[in-house]
Amino acid sequence: VAAITRDSAGTPIIVVRHEGDLMSVYTNLGDVAVAKGDSVS
């Protein structure tokens, strides 16, 4: 987990960094179960 931010409405945005210069981005979440720096599978 590279970043957890919020948009202007306060909605969480999660960014996960993967191998090969790839990142996945997830928004419109109501609840977050990870923290910045966590390793995820």
Full PDB file with SEQRES, HELIX, SHEET, SSBOND, CRYST1, ORIGX, SCALE, CONECT and MASTER records, all heavy atoms in Angstrom:
SEQRES   1 A   41  VAL ALA ALA ILE THR ARG ASP SER ALA GLY THR PRO ILE          
SEQRES   2 A   41  ILE VAL VAL ARG HIS GLU GLY ASP LEU MET SER VAL TYR          
SEQRES   3 A   41  THR ASN LEU GLY ASP VAL ALA VAL ALA LYS GLY ASP SER          
SEQRES   4 A   41  VAL SER                                                      
SHEET    1 AA1 3 ALA A   3  ARG A   6  0                                        
SHEET    2 AA1 3 PRO A  12  HIS A  18 -1                                        
SHEET    3 AA1 3 LEU A  22  THR A  27 -1                                        
CRYST1    1.000    1.000    1.000  90.00  90.00  90.00 P 1           1          
ORIGX1      1.000000  0.000000  0.000000        0.00000                         
ORIGX2      0.000000  1.000000  0.000000        0.00000                         
ORIGX3      0.000000  0.000000  1.000000        0.00000                         
SCALE1      1.000000  0.000000  0.000000        0.00000                         
SCALE2      0.000000  1.000000  0.000000        0.00000                         
SCALE3      0.000000  0.000000  1.000000        0.00000                         
ATOM      1  N   VAL A   1       0.866  -1.178   0.000  1.00  0.00           N  
ATOM      2  CA  VAL A   1       0.000   0.000   0.000  1.00  0.00           C  
ATOM      3  C   VAL A   1       0.906   1.232   0.000  1.00  0.00           C  
ATOM      4  O   VAL A   1       1.615   1.498   0.970  1.00  0.00           O  
ATOM      5  CB  VAL A   1      -0.950   0.014   1.218  1.00  0.00           C  
ATOM      6  CG1 VAL A   1      -1.812   1.269   1.213  1.00  0.00           C  
ATOM      7  CG2 VAL A   1      -1.824  -1.244   1.234  1.00  0.00           C  
ATOM      8  N   ALA A   2       0.910   1.941  -1.129  1.00  0.00           N  
ATOM      9  CA  ALA A   2       1.790   3.093  -1.307  1.00  0.00           C  
ATOM     10  C   ALA A   2       1.175   4.369  -0.752  1.00  0.00           C  
ATOM     11  O   ALA A   2       1.895   5.265  -0.306  1.00  0.00           O  
ATOM     12  CB  ALA A   2       2.120   3.283  -2.787  1.00  0.00           C  
ATOM     13  N   ALA A   3      -0.155   4.473  -0.791  1.00  0.00           N  
ATOM     14  CA  ALA A   3      -0.814   5.692  -0.321  1.00  0.00           C  
ATOM     15  C   ALA A   3      -2.276   5.409  -0.015  1.00  0.00           C  
ATOM     16  O   ALA A   3      -2.903   4.565  -0.650  1.00  0.00           O  
ATOM     17  CB  ALA A   3      -0.727   6.789  -1.380  1.00  0.00           C  
ATOM     18  N   ILE A   4      -2.776   6.124   0.966  1.00  0.00           N  
ATOM     19  CA  ILE A   4      -4.210   6.185   1.231  1.00  0.00           C  
ATOM     20  C   ILE A   4      -4.518   7.659   1.425  1.00  0.00           C  
ATOM     21  O   ILE A   4      -3.989   8.307   2.333  1.00  0.00           O  
ATOM     22  CB  ILE A   4      -4.620   5.384   2.478  1.00  0.00           C  
ATOM     23  CG1 ILE A   4      -4.264   3.908   2.292  1.00  0.00           C  
ATOM     24  CG2 ILE A   4      -6.115   5.554   2.748  1.00  0.00           C  
ATOM     25  CD1 ILE A   4      -4.545   3.046   3.507  1.00  0.00           C  
ATOM     26  N   THR A   5      -5.315   8.189   0.513  1.00  0.00           N  
ATOM     27  CA  THR A   5      -5.680   9.603   0.579  1.00  0.00           C  
ATOM     28  C   THR A   5      -7.196   9.701   0.520  1.00  0.00           C  
ATOM     29  O   THR A   5      -7.894   8.696   0.518  1.00  0.00           O  
ATOM     30  CB  THR A   5      -5.050  10.395  -0.588  1.00  0.00           C  
ATOM     31  OG1 THR A   5      -5.521   9.868  -1.823  1.00  0.00           O  
ATOM     32  CG2 THR A   5      -3.530  10.315  -0.558  1.00  0.00           C  
ATOM     33  N   ARG A   6      -7.699  10.910   0.436  1.00  0.00           N  
ATOM     34  CA  ARG A   6      -9.142  11.135   0.325  1.00  0.00           C  
ATOM     35  C   ARG A   6      -9.389  12.188  -0.740  1.00  0.00           C  
ATOM     36  O   ARG A   6      -8.595  13.116  -0.889  1.00  0.00           O  
ATOM     37  CB  ARG A   6      -9.725  11.595   1.651  1.00  0.00           C  
ATOM     38  CG  ARG A   6      -9.643  10.488   2.712  1.00  0.00           C  
ATOM     39  CD  ARG A   6     -10.362  10.862   3.987  1.00  0.00           C  
ATOM     40  NE  ARG A   6     -10.286   9.772   4.941  1.00  0.00           N  
ATOM     41  CZ  ARG A   6     -11.175   8.792   5.028  1.00  0.00           C  
ATOM     42  NH1 ARG A   6     -12.211   8.774   4.231  1.00  0.00           N  
ATOM     43  NH2 ARG A   6     -11.030   7.832   5.907  1.00  0.00           N  
ATOM     44  N   ASP A   7     -10.494  12.026  -1.468  1.00  0.00           N  
ATOM     45  CA  ASP A   7     -10.853  13.037  -2.454  1.00  0.00           C  
ATOM     46  C   ASP A   7     -11.508  14.220  -1.744  1.00  0.00           C  
ATOM     47  O   ASP A   7     -11.615  14.236  -0.515  1.00  0.00           O  
ATOM     48  CB  ASP A   7     -11.730  12.454  -3.565  1.00  0.00           C  
ATOM     49  CG  ASP A   7     -13.107  12.000  -3.101  1.00  0.00           C  
ATOM     50  OD1 ASP A   7     -13.535  12.357  -1.980  1.00  0.00           O  
ATOM     51  OD2 ASP A   7     -13.770  11.291  -3.872  1.00  0.00           O  
ATOM     52  N   SER A   8     -11.960  15.204  -2.502  1.00  0.00           N  
ATOM     53  CA  SER A   8     -12.514  16.424  -1.900  1.00  0.00           C  
ATOM     54  C   SER A   8     -13.789  16.159  -1.098  1.00  0.00           C  
ATOM     55  O   SER A   8     -14.148  16.943  -0.230  1.00  0.00           O  
ATOM     56  CB  SER A   8     -12.786  17.478  -2.979  1.00  0.00           C  
ATOM     57  OG  SER A   8     -13.700  16.964  -3.934  1.00  0.00           O  
ATOM     58  N   ALA A   9     -14.463  15.029  -1.355  1.00  0.00           N  
ATOM     59  CA  ALA A   9     -15.667  14.669  -0.593  1.00  0.00           C  
ATOM     60  C   ALA A   9     -15.329  13.801   0.622  1.00  0.00           C  
ATOM     61  O   ALA A   9     -16.210  13.405   1.365  1.00  0.00           O  
ATOM     62  CB  ALA A   9     -16.646  13.933  -1.495  1.00  0.00           C  
ATOM     63  N   GLY A  10     -14.042  13.487   0.797  1.00  0.00           N  
ATOM     64  CA  GLY A  10     -13.616  12.668   1.931  1.00  0.00           C  
ATOM     65  C   GLY A  10     -13.640  11.173   1.657  1.00  0.00           C  
ATOM     66  O   GLY A  10     -13.436  10.378   2.564  1.00  0.00           O  
ATOM     67  N   THR A  11     -13.868  10.775   0.409  1.00  0.00           N  
ATOM     68  CA  THR A  11     -13.916   9.360   0.042  1.00  0.00           C  
ATOM     69  C   THR A  11     -12.495   8.807  -0.074  1.00  0.00           C  
ATOM     70  O   THR A  11     -11.661   9.401  -0.750  1.00  0.00           O  
ATOM     71  CB  THR A  11     -14.651   9.183  -1.306  1.00  0.00           C  
ATOM     72  OG1 THR A  11     -15.940   9.791  -1.202  1.00  0.00           O  
ATOM     73  CG2 THR A  11     -14.784   7.723  -1.677  1.00  0.00           C  
ATOM     74  N   PRO A  12     -12.219   7.657   0.567  1.00  0.00           N  
ATOM     75  CA  PRO A  12     -10.868   7.100   0.519  1.00  0.00           C  
ATOM     76  C   PRO A  12     -10.426   6.682  -0.882  1.00  0.00           C  
ATOM     77  O   PRO A  12     -11.231   6.218  -1.689  1.00  0.00           O  
ATOM     78  CB  PRO A  12     -10.966   5.859   1.417  1.00  0.00           C  
ATOM     79  CG  PRO A  12     -12.152   6.088   2.284  1.00  0.00           C  
ATOM     80  CD  PRO A  12     -13.105   6.881   1.446  1.00  0.00           C  
ATOM     81  N   ILE A  13      -9.136   6.861  -1.134  1.00  0.00           N  
ATOM     82  CA  ILE A  13      -8.465   6.404  -2.348  1.00  0.00           C  
ATOM     83  C   ILE A  13      -7.265   5.578  -1.892  1.00  0.00           C  
ATOM     84  O   ILE A  13      -6.437   6.059  -1.120  1.00  0.00           O  
ATOM     85  CB  ILE A  13      -7.963   7.587  -3.202  1.00  0.00           C  
ATOM     86  CG1 ILE A  13      -9.128   8.502  -3.595  1.00  0.00           C  
ATOM     87  CG2 ILE A  13      -7.209   7.084  -4.425  1.00  0.00           C  
ATOM     88  CD1 ILE A  13      -8.683   9.829  -4.179  1.00  0.00           C  
ATOM     89  N   ILE A  14      -7.192   4.326  -2.362  1.00  0.00           N  
ATOM     90  CA  ILE A  14      -6.081   3.442  -1.997  1.00  0.00           C  
ATOM     91  C   ILE A  14      -5.226   3.197  -3.236  1.00  0.00           C  
ATOM     92  O   ILE A  14      -5.758   2.886  -4.306  1.00  0.00           O  
ATOM     93  CB  ILE A  14      -6.590   2.096  -1.448  1.00  0.00           C  
ATOM     94  CG1 ILE A  14      -7.410   2.319  -0.175  1.00  0.00           C  
ATOM     95  CG2 ILE A  14      -5.417   1.148  -1.182  1.00  0.00           C  
ATOM     96  CD1 ILE A  14      -8.056   1.052   0.363  1.00  0.00           C  
ATOM     97  N   VAL A  15      -3.910   3.313  -3.090  1.00  0.00           N  
ATOM     98  CA  VAL A  15      -2.969   3.023  -4.169  1.00  0.00           C  
ATOM     99  C   VAL A  15      -2.055   1.891  -3.704  1.00  0.00           C  
ATOM    100  O   VAL A  15      -1.425   1.998  -2.654  1.00  0.00           O  
ATOM    101  CB  VAL A  15      -2.117   4.265  -4.536  1.00  0.00           C  
ATOM    102  CG1 VAL A  15      -1.123   3.927  -5.640  1.00  0.00           C  
ATOM    103  CG2 VAL A  15      -3.007   5.436  -4.923  1.00  0.00           C  
ATOM    104  N   VAL A  16      -2.026   0.799  -4.488  1.00  0.00           N  
ATOM    105  CA  VAL A  16      -1.147  -0.331  -4.198  1.00  0.00           C  
ATOM    106  C   VAL A  16      -0.076  -0.386  -5.278  1.00  0.00           C  
ATOM    107  O   VAL A  16      -0.386  -0.370  -6.471  1.00  0.00           O  
ATOM    108  CB  VAL A  16      -1.942  -1.661  -4.147  1.00  0.00           C  
ATOM    109  CG1 VAL A  16      -0.995  -2.839  -3.908  1.00  0.00           C  
ATOM    110  CG2 VAL A  16      -3.018  -1.608  -3.067  1.00  0.00           C  
ATOM    111  N   ARG A  17       1.183  -0.439  -4.860  1.00  0.00           N  
ATOM    112  CA  ARG A  17       2.315  -0.530  -5.795  1.00  0.00           C  
ATOM    113  C   ARG A  17       2.661  -2.008  -5.985  1.00  0.00           C  
ATOM    114  O   ARG A  17       2.829  -2.742  -5.016  1.00  0.00           O  
ATOM    115  CB  ARG A  17       3.524   0.219  -5.251  1.00  0.00           C  
ATOM    116  CG  ARG A  17       4.687   0.264  -6.225  1.00  0.00           C  
ATOM    117  CD  ARG A  17       5.870   1.069  -5.689  1.00  0.00           C  
ATOM    118  NE  ARG A  17       5.497   2.348  -5.135  1.00  0.00           N  
ATOM    119  CZ  ARG A  17       5.278   3.470  -5.827  1.00  0.00           C  
ATOM    120  NH1 ARG A  17       5.388   3.443  -7.137  1.00  0.00           N  
ATOM    121  NH2 ARG A  17       4.960   4.590  -5.227  1.00  0.00           N  
ATOM    122  N   HIS A  18       2.777  -2.420  -7.259  1.00  0.00           N  
ATOM    123  CA  HIS A  18       3.093  -3.796  -7.625  1.00  0.00           C  
ATOM    124  C   HIS A  18       4.430  -3.819  -8.362  1.00  0.00           C  
ATOM    125  O   HIS A  18       4.946  -2.774  -8.766  1.00  0.00           O  
ATOM    126  CB  HIS A  18       2.005  -4.365  -8.550  1.00  0.00           C  
ATOM    127  CG  HIS A  18       0.622  -4.211  -8.010  1.00  0.00           C  
ATOM    128  ND1 HIS A  18       0.080  -5.084  -7.087  1.00  0.00           N  
ATOM    129  CD2 HIS A  18      -0.336  -3.276  -8.254  1.00  0.00           C  
ATOM    130  CE1 HIS A  18      -1.155  -4.699  -6.796  1.00  0.00           C  
ATOM    131  NE2 HIS A  18      -1.430  -3.601  -7.485  1.00  0.00           N  
ATOM    132  N   GLU A  19       4.950  -5.017  -8.589  1.00  0.00           N  
ATOM    133  CA  GLU A  19       6.186  -5.156  -9.367  1.00  0.00           C  
ATOM    134  C   GLU A  19       5.986  -4.628 -10.779  1.00  0.00           C  
ATOM    135  O   GLU A  19       4.859  -4.542 -11.272  1.00  0.00           O  
ATOM    136  CB  GLU A  19       6.597  -6.627  -9.437  1.00  0.00           C  
ATOM    137  CG  GLU A  19       7.131  -7.163  -8.133  1.00  0.00           C  
ATOM    138  CD  GLU A  19       7.661  -8.577  -8.283  1.00  0.00           C  
ATOM    139  OE1 GLU A  19       8.025  -8.992  -9.409  1.00  0.00           O  
ATOM    140  OE2 GLU A  19       7.713  -9.278  -7.269  1.00  0.00           O  
ATOM    141  N   GLY A  20       7.073  -4.283 -11.442  1.00  0.00           N  
ATOM    142  CA  GLY A  20       7.025  -3.867 -12.838  1.00  0.00           C  
ATOM    143  C   GLY A  20       6.472  -2.480 -13.051  1.00  0.00           C  
ATOM    144  O   GLY A  20       5.879  -2.212 -14.088  1.00  0.00           O  
ATOM    145  N   ASP A  21       6.631  -1.585 -12.075  1.00  0.00           N  
ATOM    146  CA  ASP A  21       6.176  -0.197 -12.194  1.00  0.00           C  
ATOM    147  C   ASP A  21       4.657  -0.088 -12.340  1.00  0.00           C  
ATOM    148  O   ASP A  21       4.150   0.858 -12.931  1.00  0.00           O  
ATOM    149  CB  ASP A  21       6.885   0.491 -13.373  1.00  0.00           C  
ATOM    150  CG  ASP A  21       6.833   2.011 -13.294  1.00  0.00           C  
ATOM    151  OD1 ASP A  21       6.758   2.547 -12.167  1.00  0.00           O  
ATOM    152  OD2 ASP A  21       6.849   2.657 -14.352  1.00  0.00           O  
ATOM    153  N   LEU A  22       3.917  -1.096 -11.844  1.00  0.00           N  
ATOM    154  CA  LEU A  22       2.463  -1.063 -11.897  1.00  0.00           C  
ATOM    155  C   LEU A  22       1.878  -0.601 -10.568  1.00  0.00           C  
ATOM    156  O   LEU A  22       2.431  -0.900  -9.508  1.00  0.00           O  
ATOM    157  CB  LEU A  22       1.896  -2.454 -12.217  1.00  0.00           C  
ATOM    158  CG  LEU A  22       2.162  -3.004 -13.599  1.00  0.00           C  
ATOM    159  CD1 LEU A  22       1.633  -4.437 -13.696  1.00  0.00           C  
ATOM    160  CD2 LEU A  22       1.526  -2.126 -14.666  1.00  0.00           C  
ATOM    161  N   MET A  23       0.759   0.093 -10.650  1.00  0.00           N  
ATOM    162  CA  MET A  23       0.012   0.492  -9.462  1.00  0.00           C  
ATOM    163  C   MET A  23      -1.460   0.220  -9.725  1.00  0.00           C  
ATOM    164  O   MET A  23      -1.935   0.368 -10.852  1.00  0.00           O  
ATOM    165  CB  MET A  23       0.209   1.975  -9.154  1.00  0.00           C  
ATOM    166  CG  MET A  23       1.615   2.304  -8.709  1.00  0.00           C  
ATOM    167  SD  MET A  23       1.799   4.007  -8.218  1.00  0.00           S  
ATOM    168  CE  MET A  23       1.767   4.806  -9.812  1.00  0.00           C  
ATOM    169  N   SER A  24      -2.186  -0.185  -8.696  1.00  0.00           N  
ATOM    170  CA  SER A  24      -3.641  -0.298  -8.803  1.00  0.00           C  
ATOM    171  C   SER A  24      -4.246   0.745  -7.872  1.00  0.00           C  
ATOM    172  O   SER A  24      -3.728   1.001  -6.785  1.00  0.00           O  
ATOM    173  CB  SER A  24      -4.129  -1.711  -8.471  1.00  0.00           C  
ATOM    174  OG  SER A  24      -3.655  -2.160  -7.224  1.00  0.00           O  
ATOM    175  N   VAL A  25      -5.330   1.365  -8.345  1.00  0.00           N  
ATOM    176  CA  VAL A  25      -5.980   2.455  -7.620  1.00  0.00           C  
ATOM    177  C   VAL A  25      -7.437   2.072  -7.402  1.00  0.00           C  
ATOM    178  O   VAL A  25      -8.115   1.608  -8.328  1.00  0.00           O  
ATOM    179  CB  VAL A  25      -5.893   3.775  -8.422  1.00  0.00           C  
ATOM    180  CG1 VAL A  25      -6.542   4.916  -7.656  1.00  0.00           C  
ATOM    181  CG2 VAL A  25      -4.439   4.105  -8.765  1.00  0.00           C  
ATOM    182  N   TYR A  26      -7.928   2.275  -6.190  1.00  0.00           N  
ATOM    183  CA  TYR A  26      -9.283   1.919  -5.804  1.00  0.00           C  
ATOM    184  C   TYR A  26      -9.920   3.131  -5.129  1.00  0.00           C  
ATOM    185  O   TYR A  26      -9.348   3.678  -4.183  1.00  0.00           O  
ATOM    186  CB  TYR A  26      -9.274   0.760  -4.793  1.00  0.00           C  
ATOM    187  CG  TYR A  26      -8.408  -0.406  -5.222  1.00  0.00           C  
ATOM    188  CD1 TYR A  26      -7.017  -0.367  -5.064  1.00  0.00           C  
ATOM    189  CD2 TYR A  26      -8.967  -1.539  -5.788  1.00  0.00           C  
ATOM    190  CE1 TYR A  26      -6.222  -1.423  -5.457  1.00  0.00           C  
ATOM    191  CE2 TYR A  26      -8.173  -2.607  -6.187  1.00  0.00           C  
ATOM    192  CZ  TYR A  26      -6.810  -2.542  -6.017  1.00  0.00           C  
ATOM    193  OH  TYR A  26      -6.022  -3.598  -6.412  1.00  0.00           O  
ATOM    194  N   THR A  27     -11.101   3.554  -5.623  1.00  0.00           N  
ATOM    195  CA  THR A  27     -11.805   4.670  -4.985  1.00  0.00           C  
ATOM    196  C   THR A  27     -13.277   4.317  -4.812  1.00  0.00           C  
ATOM    197  O   THR A  27     -13.757   3.325  -5.341  1.00  0.00           O  
ATOM    198  CB  THR A  27     -11.680   5.976  -5.788  1.00  0.00           C  
ATOM    199  OG1 THR A  27     -12.345   5.819  -7.037  1.00  0.00           O  
ATOM    200  CG2 THR A  27     -10.240   6.360  -6.015  1.00  0.00           C  
ATOM    201  N   ASN A  28     -13.976   5.154  -4.099  1.00  0.00           N  
ATOM    202  CA  ASN A  28     -15.385   4.983  -3.713  1.00  0.00           C  
ATOM    203  C   ASN A  28     -15.545   3.909  -2.655  1.00  0.00           C  
ATOM    204  O   ASN A  28     -16.560   3.232  -2.597  1.00  0.00           O  
ATOM    205  CB  ASN A  28     -16.294   4.710  -4.914  1.00  0.00           C  
ATOM    206  CG  ASN A  28     -16.465   5.936  -5.773  1.00  0.00           C  
ATOM    207  OD1 ASN A  28     -16.404   7.057  -5.273  1.00  0.00           O  
ATOM    208  ND2 ASN A  28     -16.658   5.741  -7.058  1.00  0.00           N  
ATOM    209  N   LEU A  29     -14.538   3.749  -1.821  1.00  0.00           N  
ATOM    210  CA  LEU A  29     -14.639   2.837  -0.694  1.00  0.00           C  
ATOM    211  C   LEU A  29     -15.311   3.560   0.469  1.00  0.00           C  
ATOM    212  O   LEU A  29     -15.154   4.770   0.646  1.00  0.00           O  
ATOM    213  CB  LEU A  29     -13.252   2.354  -0.250  1.00  0.00           C  
ATOM    214  CG  LEU A  29     -12.662   1.198  -1.065  1.00  0.00           C  
ATOM    215  CD1 LEU A  29     -12.220   1.661  -2.420  1.00  0.00           C  
ATOM    216  CD2 LEU A  29     -11.532   0.577  -0.318  1.00  0.00           C  
ATOM    217  N   GLY A  30     -16.048   2.803   1.261  1.00  0.00           N  
ATOM    218  CA  GLY A  30     -16.673   3.364   2.446  1.00  0.00           C  
ATOM    219  C   GLY A  30     -15.891   3.023   3.699  1.00  0.00           C  
ATOM    220  O   GLY A  30     -16.005   3.678   4.726  1.00  0.00           O  
ATOM    221  N   ASP A  31     -15.085   1.973   3.615  1.00  0.00           N  
ATOM    222  CA  ASP A  31     -14.317   1.503   4.763  1.00  0.00           C  
ATOM    223  C   ASP A  31     -12.971   1.012   4.253  1.00  0.00           C  
ATOM    224  O   ASP A  31     -12.901   0.399   3.188  1.00  0.00           O  
ATOM    225  CB  ASP A  31     -15.073   0.363   5.453  1.00  0.00           C  
ATOM    226  CG  ASP A  31     -14.365  -0.162   6.684  1.00  0.00           C  
ATOM    227  OD1 ASP A  31     -13.881   0.660   7.481  1.00  0.00           O  
ATOM    228  OD2 ASP A  31     -14.284  -1.395   6.843  1.00  0.00           O  
ATOM    229  N   VAL A  32     -11.913   1.269   4.998  1.00  0.00           N  
ATOM    230  CA  VAL A  32     -10.559   0.861   4.613  1.00  0.00           C  
ATOM    231  C   VAL A  32     -10.024  -0.108   5.661  1.00  0.00           C  
ATOM    232  O   VAL A  32     -10.116   0.155   6.857  1.00  0.00           O  
ATOM    233  CB  VAL A  32      -9.628   2.092   4.503  1.00  0.00           C  
ATOM    234  CG1 VAL A  32      -8.197   1.682   4.248  1.00  0.00           C  
ATOM    235  CG2 VAL A  32     -10.127   3.030   3.415  1.00  0.00           C  
ATOM    236  N   ALA A  33      -9.457  -1.243   5.195  1.00  0.00           N  
ATOM    237  CA  ALA A  33      -8.967  -2.278   6.103  1.00  0.00           C  
ATOM    238  C   ALA A  33      -7.446  -2.401   6.105  1.00  0.00           C  
ATOM    239  O   ALA A  33      -6.908  -3.332   6.699  1.00  0.00           O  
ATOM    240  CB  ALA A  33      -9.592  -3.622   5.726  1.00  0.00           C  
ATOM    241  N   VAL A  34      -6.742  -1.502   5.421  1.00  0.00           N  
ATOM    242  CA  VAL A  34      -5.284  -1.543   5.344  1.00  0.00           C  
ATOM    243  C   VAL A  34      -4.725  -0.172   5.719  1.00  0.00           C  
ATOM    244  O   VAL A  34      -5.462   0.805   5.822  1.00  0.00           O  
ATOM    245  CB  VAL A  34      -4.803  -1.939   3.922  1.00  0.00           C  
ATOM    246  CG1 VAL A  34      -5.181  -3.376   3.606  1.00  0.00           C  
ATOM    247  CG2 VAL A  34      -5.350  -0.988   2.866  1.00  0.00           C  
ATOM    248  N   ALA A  35      -3.415  -0.126   5.895  1.00  0.00           N  
ATOM    249  CA  ALA A  35      -2.738   1.132   6.206  1.00  0.00           C  
ATOM    250  C   ALA A  35      -1.568   1.318   5.245  1.00  0.00           C  
ATOM    251  O   ALA A  35      -1.052   0.338   4.678  1.00  0.00           O  
ATOM    252  CB  ALA A  35      -2.220   1.124   7.649  1.00  0.00           C  
ATOM    253  N   LYS A  36      -1.154   2.552   5.061  1.00  0.00           N  
ATOM    254  CA  LYS A  36      -0.002   2.840   4.213  1.00  0.00           C  
ATOM    255  C   LYS A  36       1.188   2.015   4.693  1.00  0.00           C  
ATOM    256  O   LYS A  36       1.455   1.925   5.892  1.00  0.00           O  
ATOM    257  CB  LYS A  36       0.334   4.330   4.258  1.00  0.00           C  
ATOM    258  CG  LYS A  36       1.490   4.696   3.363  1.00  0.00           C  
ATOM    259  CD  LYS A  36       1.786   6.166   3.398  1.00  0.00           C  
ATOM    260  CE  LYS A  36       3.007   6.463   2.539  1.00  0.00           C  
ATOM    261  NZ  LYS A  36       3.370   7.876   2.568  1.00  0.00           N  
ATOM    262  N   GLY A  37       1.877   1.388   3.740  1.00  0.00           N  
ATOM    263  CA  GLY A  37       3.048   0.579   4.056  1.00  0.00           C  
ATOM    264  C   GLY A  37       2.751  -0.902   4.231  1.00  0.00           C  
ATOM    265  O   GLY A  37       3.664  -1.722   4.230  1.00  0.00           O  
ATOM    266  N   ASP A  38       1.465  -1.266   4.375  1.00  0.00           N  
ATOM    267  CA  ASP A  38       1.100  -2.679   4.524  1.00  0.00           C  
ATOM    268  C   ASP A  38       1.448  -3.453   3.257  1.00  0.00           C  
ATOM    269  O   ASP A  38       1.256  -2.958   2.145  1.00  0.00           O  
ATOM    270  CB  ASP A  38      -0.400  -2.850   4.766  1.00  0.00           C  
ATOM    271  CG  ASP A  38      -0.838  -2.495   6.176  1.00  0.00           C  
ATOM    272  OD1 ASP A  38       0.024  -2.192   7.022  1.00  0.00           O  
ATOM    273  OD2 ASP A  38      -2.066  -2.522   6.414  1.00  0.00           O  
ATOM    274  N   SER A  39       1.925  -4.680   3.418  1.00  0.00           N  
ATOM    275  CA  SER A  39       2.075  -5.604   2.303  1.00  0.00           C  
ATOM    276  C   SER A  39       0.745  -6.325   2.144  1.00  0.00           C  
ATOM    277  O   SER A  39       0.136  -6.727   3.138  1.00  0.00           O  
ATOM    278  CB  SER A  39       3.176  -6.623   2.581  1.00  0.00           C  
ATOM    279  OG  SER A  39       4.438  -5.980   2.565  1.00  0.00           O  
ATOM    280  N   VAL A  40       0.292  -6.465   0.895  1.00  0.00           N  
ATOM    281  CA  VAL A  40      -0.966  -7.157   0.626  1.00  0.00           C  
ATOM    282  C   VAL A  40      -0.736  -8.249  -0.400  1.00  0.00           C  
ATOM    283  O   VAL A  40       0.185  -8.167  -1.217  1.00  0.00           O  
ATOM    284  CB  VAL A  40      -2.073  -6.185   0.130  1.00  0.00           C  
ATOM    285  CG1 VAL A  40      -2.422  -5.180   1.212  1.00  0.00           C  
ATOM    286  CG2 VAL A  40      -1.680  -5.474  -1.144  1.00  0.00           C  
ATOM    287  N   SER A  41      -1.561  -9.269  -0.351  1.00  0.00           N  
ATOM    288  CA  SER A  41      -1.493 -10.344  -1.336  1.00  0.00           C  
ATOM    289  C   SER A  41      -2.699 -10.251  -2.257  1.00  0.00           C  
ATOM    290  O   SER A  41      -3.704  -9.616  -1.926  1.00  0.00           O  
ATOM    291  CB  SER A  41      -1.443 -11.705  -0.639  1.00  0.00           C  
ATOM    292  OG  SER A  41      -2.549 -11.853   0.226  1.00  0.00           O  
TER     293      SER A  41                                                      
MASTER        0    0    0    0    3    0    0    6  292    1    0    4          
END                                                                             
